[in-house]
C-alpha atoms as a PDB file:
ATOM      1  CA  MET A   1       1.812  -7.808  -6.284  1.00  0.00           C
ATOM      2  CA  THR A   2       0.609  -5.125  -3.901  1.00  0.00           C
ATOM      3  CA  LYS A   3      -2.693  -5.022  -2.026  1.00  0.00           C
ATOM      4  CA  ILE A   4      -4.192  -1.865  -0.558  1.00  0.00           C
ATOM      5  CA  ALA A   5      -7.354  -1.577   1.526  1.00  0.00           C
ATOM      6  CA  ILE A   6      -9.399   1.471   0.568  1.00  0.00           C
ATOM      7  CA  ARG A   7     -10.038   3.740   3.557  1.00  0.00           C
ATOM      8  CA  GLY A   8     -12.297   6.742   4.025  1.00  0.00           C
ATOM      9  CA  TYR A   9      -9.415   9.187   3.622  1.00  0.00           C
ATOM     10  CA  HIS A  10      -8.855   7.862   0.069  1.00  0.00           C
ATOM     11  CA  LEU A  11     -12.289   9.122  -1.017  1.00  0.00           C
ATOM     12  CA  ASP A  12     -13.344  12.411  -2.552  1.00  0.00           C
ATOM     13  CA  ALA A  13     -16.658  14.287  -2.279  1.00  0.00           C
ATOM     14  CA  TYR A  14     -18.245  11.763  -4.664  1.00  0.00           C
ATOM     15  CA  GLN A  15     -17.464   8.923  -2.220  1.00  0.00           C
ATOM     16  CA  HIS A  16     -15.079   7.080  -4.514  1.00  0.00           C
ATOM     17  CA  VAL A  17     -11.305   7.110  -4.830  1.00  0.00           C
ATOM     18  CA  ASN A  18     -10.141  10.347  -6.437  1.00  0.00           C
ATOM     19  CA  ASN A  19      -8.143  10.000  -9.641  1.00  0.00           C
ATOM     20  CA  ALA A  20      -5.005  11.493  -8.059  1.00  0.00           C
ATOM     21  CA  ARG A  21      -4.974   8.777  -5.375  1.00  0.00           C
ATOM     22  CA  TYR A  22      -4.457   6.098  -8.024  1.00  0.00           C
ATOM     23  CA  LEU A  23      -1.074   7.651  -8.792  1.00  0.00           C
ATOM     24  CA  GLU A  24      -0.137   7.193  -5.121  1.00  0.00           C
ATOM     25  CA  PHE A  25      -1.294   3.569  -5.177  1.00  0.00           C
ATOM     26  CA  LEU A  26       0.774   2.905  -8.296  1.00  0.00           C
ATOM     27  CA  GLU A  27       3.792   4.570  -6.700  1.00  0.00           C
ATOM     28  CA  GLU A  28       3.479   2.339  -3.626  1.00  0.00           C
ATOM     29  CA  ALA A  29       3.456  -0.733  -5.878  1.00  0.00           C
ATOM     30  CA  ARG A  30       6.579   0.489  -7.704  1.00  0.00           C
ATOM     31  CA  TRP A  31       8.356   0.999  -4.378  1.00  0.00           C
ATOM     32  CA  GLN A  32       7.420  -2.522  -3.348  1.00  0.00           C
ATOM     33  CA  TYR A  33       8.745  -3.826  -6.677  1.00  0.00           C
ATOM     34  CA  MET A  34      12.049  -2.021  -6.052  1.00  0.00           C
ATOM     35  CA  ASP A  35      12.304  -3.221  -2.421  1.00  0.00           C
ATOM     36  CA  ASN A  36      14.079  -6.320  -3.759  1.00  0.00           C
ATOM     37  CA  ILE A  37      17.054  -4.172  -4.756  1.00  0.00           C
ATOM     38  CA  SER A  38      19.421  -3.976  -1.801  1.00  0.00           C
ATOM     39  CA  GLN A  39      20.304  -0.664  -0.216  1.00  0.00           C
ATOM     40  CA  GLU A  40      23.930  -1.634  -0.806  1.00  0.00           C
ATOM     41  CA  ALA A  41      23.301  -1.818  -4.568  1.00  0.00           C
ATOM     42  CA  TYR A  42      21.562   1.597  -4.578  1.00  0.00           C
ATOM     43  CA  THR A  43      24.531   3.077  -2.716  1.00  0.00           C
ATOM     44  CA  ARG A  44      27.225   1.371  -4.810  1.00  0.00           C
ATOM     45  CA  LEU A  45      25.634   2.107  -8.204  1.00  0.00           C
ATOM     46  CA  ASN A  46      24.470   5.545  -6.984  1.00  0.00           C
ATOM     47  CA  PHE A  47      21.312   5.923  -9.094  1.00  0.00           C
ATOM     48  CA  SER A  48      17.792   7.335  -8.900  1.00  0.00           C
ATOM     49  CA  PHE A  49      14.519   6.738 -10.723  1.00  0.00           C
ATOM     50  CA  ILE A  50      13.078   9.842 -12.388  1.00  0.00           C
ATOM     51  CA  ILE A  51       9.554   9.540 -13.802  1.00  0.00           C
ATOM     52  CA  VAL A  52       9.284  11.162 -17.220  1.00  0.00           C
ATOM     53  CA  ASN A  53       5.842   9.974 -18.386  1.00  0.00           C
ATOM     54  CA  ILE A  54       2.676   8.412 -16.985  1.00  0.00           C
ATOM     55  CA  ASN A  55      -0.298   7.323 -19.075  1.00  0.00           C
ATOM     56  CA  ILE A  56      -3.230   6.140 -17.001  1.00  0.00           C
ATOM     57  CA  ASN A  57      -6.642   4.796 -18.015  1.00  0.00           C
ATOM     58  CA  TYR A  58      -9.470   4.754 -15.483  1.00  0.00           C
ATOM     59  CA  LYS A  59     -11.920   1.892 -15.981  1.00  0.00           C
ATOM     60  CA  SER A  60     -13.985   1.535 -12.809  1.00  0.00           C
ATOM     61  CA  SER A  61     -14.373   3.153  -9.393  1.00  0.00           C
ATOM     62  CA  VAL A  62     -13.626   1.762  -5.940  1.00  0.00           C
ATOM     63  CA  THR A  63     -14.791   2.905  -2.523  1.00  0.00           C
ATOM     64  CA  THR A  64     -14.373   2.314   1.218  1.00  0.00           C
ATOM     65  CA  GLY A  65     -14.228  -1.357   2.122  1.00  0.00           C
ATOM     66  CA  ASP A  66     -12.821  -2.443  -1.239  1.00  0.00           C
ATOM     67  CA  THR A  67      -9.338  -3.894  -1.523  1.00  0.00           C
ATOM     68  CA  ILE A  68      -7.300  -3.403  -4.663  1.00  0.00           C
ATOM     69  CA  ARG A  69      -4.564  -5.590  -6.113  1.00  0.00           C
ATOM     70  CA  ILE A  70      -1.795  -3.953  -8.133  1.00  0.00           C
ATOM     71  CA  THR A  71       0.454  -5.781 -10.551  1.00  0.00           C
ATOM     72  CA  THR A  72       3.720  -4.265 -11.752  1.00  0.00           C
ATOM     73  CA  GLU A  73       5.804  -5.686 -14.565  1.00  0.00           C
ATOM     74  CA  VAL A  74       8.537  -4.494 -16.879  1.00  0.00           C
ATOM     75  CA  GLU A  75       7.008  -3.540 -20.198  1.00  0.00           C
ATOM     76  CA  LYS A  76      10.108  -2.195 -21.951  1.00  0.00           C
ATOM     77  CA  ILE A  77      13.761  -1.438 -21.298  1.00  0.00           C
ATOM     78  CA  GLY A  78      15.508   1.190 -23.405  1.00  0.00           C
ATOM     79  CA  ASN A  79      19.060   2.536 -23.291  1.00  0.00           C
ATOM     80  CA  SER A  80      18.519   4.674 -20.183  1.00  0.00           C
ATOM     81  CA  SER A  81      14.764   4.408 -19.615  1.00  0.00           C
ATOM     82  CA  MET A  82      12.415   1.700 -18.476  1.00  0.00           C
ATOM     83  CA  THR A  83       8.632   1.368 -18.650  1.00  0.00           C
ATOM     84  CA  PHE A  84       6.433  -0.441 -16.164  1.00  0.00           C
ATOM     85  CA  LYS A  85       2.991  -1.754 -17.025  1.00  0.00           C
ATOM     86  CA  GLN A  86       0.806  -1.495 -13.947  1.00  0.00           C
ATOM     87  CA  GLN A  87      -2.749  -2.706 -13.457  1.00  0.00           C
ATOM     88  CA  ILE A  88      -5.125  -2.221 -10.547  1.00  0.00           C
ATOM     89  CA  PHE A  89      -7.814  -4.849 -10.019  1.00  0.00           C
ATOM     90  CA  LEU A  90     -10.619  -5.146  -7.492  1.00  0.00           C
ATOM     91  CA  ASP A  91      -9.091  -7.823  -5.267  1.00  0.00           C
ATOM     92  CA  GLY A  92     -10.627 -11.261  -5.561  1.00  0.00           C
ATOM     93  CA  THR A  93     -11.848 -10.509  -9.093  1.00  0.00           C
ATOM     94  CA  GLU A  94     -10.459  -9.807 -12.528  1.00  0.00           C
ATOM     95  CA  LYS A  95     -12.318  -6.475 -12.657  1.00  0.00           C
ATOM     96  CA  LEU A  96      -9.830  -3.928 -13.988  1.00  0.00           C
ATOM     97  CA  VAL A  97     -10.017  -0.621 -12.115  1.00  0.00           C
ATOM     98  CA  CYS A  98      -7.243   1.131 -14.037  1.00  0.00           C
ATOM     99  CA  ASP A  99      -4.063   0.509 -15.954  1.00  0.00           C
ATOM    100  CA  ALA A 100      -0.992   2.628 -16.454  1.00  0.00           C
ATOM    101  CA  SER A 101       2.243   2.781 -18.366  1.00  0.00           C
ATOM    102  CA  VAL A 102       4.964   4.501 -16.321  1.00  0.00           C
ATOM    103  CA  THR A 103       8.283   5.461 -17.926  1.00  0.00           C
ATOM    104  CA  PHE A 104      11.291   6.569 -15.943  1.00  0.00           C
ATOM    105  CA  VAL A 105      14.937   7.365 -16.575  1.00  0.00           C
ATOM    106  CA  ILE A 106      17.731   5.953 -14.459  1.00  0.00           C
ATOM    107  CA  LEU A 107      19.813   8.934 -13.385  1.00  0.00           C
ATOM    108  CA  SER A 108      23.363   8.893 -12.052  1.00  0.00           C
ATOM    109  CA  ASN A 109      23.406  10.693  -8.721  1.00  0.00           C
ATOM    110  CA  LYS A 110      27.084  11.493  -9.323  1.00  0.00           C
ATOM    111  CA  THR A 111      26.775  13.142 -12.761  1.00  0.00           C
ATOM    112  CA  GLY A 112      23.078  14.043 -12.872  1.00  0.00           C
ATOM    113  CA  LYS A 113      22.914  12.404 -16.307  1.00  0.00           C
ATOM    114  CA  PRO A 114      21.002   9.324 -17.536  1.00  0.00           C
ATOM    115  CA  MET A 115      22.760   5.980 -17.040  1.00  0.00           C
ATOM    116  CA  LYS A 116      22.805   3.147 -19.558  1.00  0.00           C
ATOM    117  CA  ILE A 117      20.675   0.240 -18.399  1.00  0.00           C
ATOM    118  CA  GLU A 118      23.028  -2.670 -18.876  1.00  0.00           C
ATOM    119  CA  GLY A 119      24.919  -5.340 -16.958  1.00  0.00           C
ATOM    120  CA  GLU A 120      24.398  -5.416 -13.209  1.00  0.00           C
ATOM    121  CA  LEU A 121      21.988  -2.465 -13.245  1.00  0.00           C
ATOM    122  CA  LYS A 122      19.737  -4.201 -15.783  1.00  0.00           C
ATOM    123  CA  SER A 123      19.814  -7.441 -13.780  1.00  0.00           C
ATOM    124  CA  LEU A 124      18.872  -5.589 -10.595  1.00  0.00           C
ATOM    125  CA  LEU A 125      15.967  -3.772 -12.260  1.00  0.00           C
ATOM    126  CA  LEU A 126      14.594  -6.994 -13.701  1.00  0.00           C
ATOM    127  CA  LYS A 127      14.992  -8.703 -10.328  1.00  0.00           C
ATOM    128  CA  GLY A 128      12.549  -6.289  -8.677  1.00  0.00           C
ATOM    129  CA  LYS A 129       9.192  -8.067  -8.702  1.00  0.00           C
END
């Protein structure tokens, strides 16, 4: 779970968080999820995450002074792709601000081609959280 305090620089001319900022918030939560994978594992397995699709639904606005809570969980694992289900809530409530489904491919940095998600790689990706 990731928490982010909404600051003035997050706002647009309408004095609420601009839709593009939500993508940044979701990205921060994904990075925090992946922080549990050691740098040694990234180096040894030599892979990258490449986003191929994002579907996002905006439900409610937030503004300066609000704090949001982002949940990130594995929704689906395919042969070489994985989908996260992410939800942003107004912290301290169950009010859903937005939800998203984010699909990415695991790419081999050596070959530039998709890698099969199996064995140790699969275990590492599920260990995120």
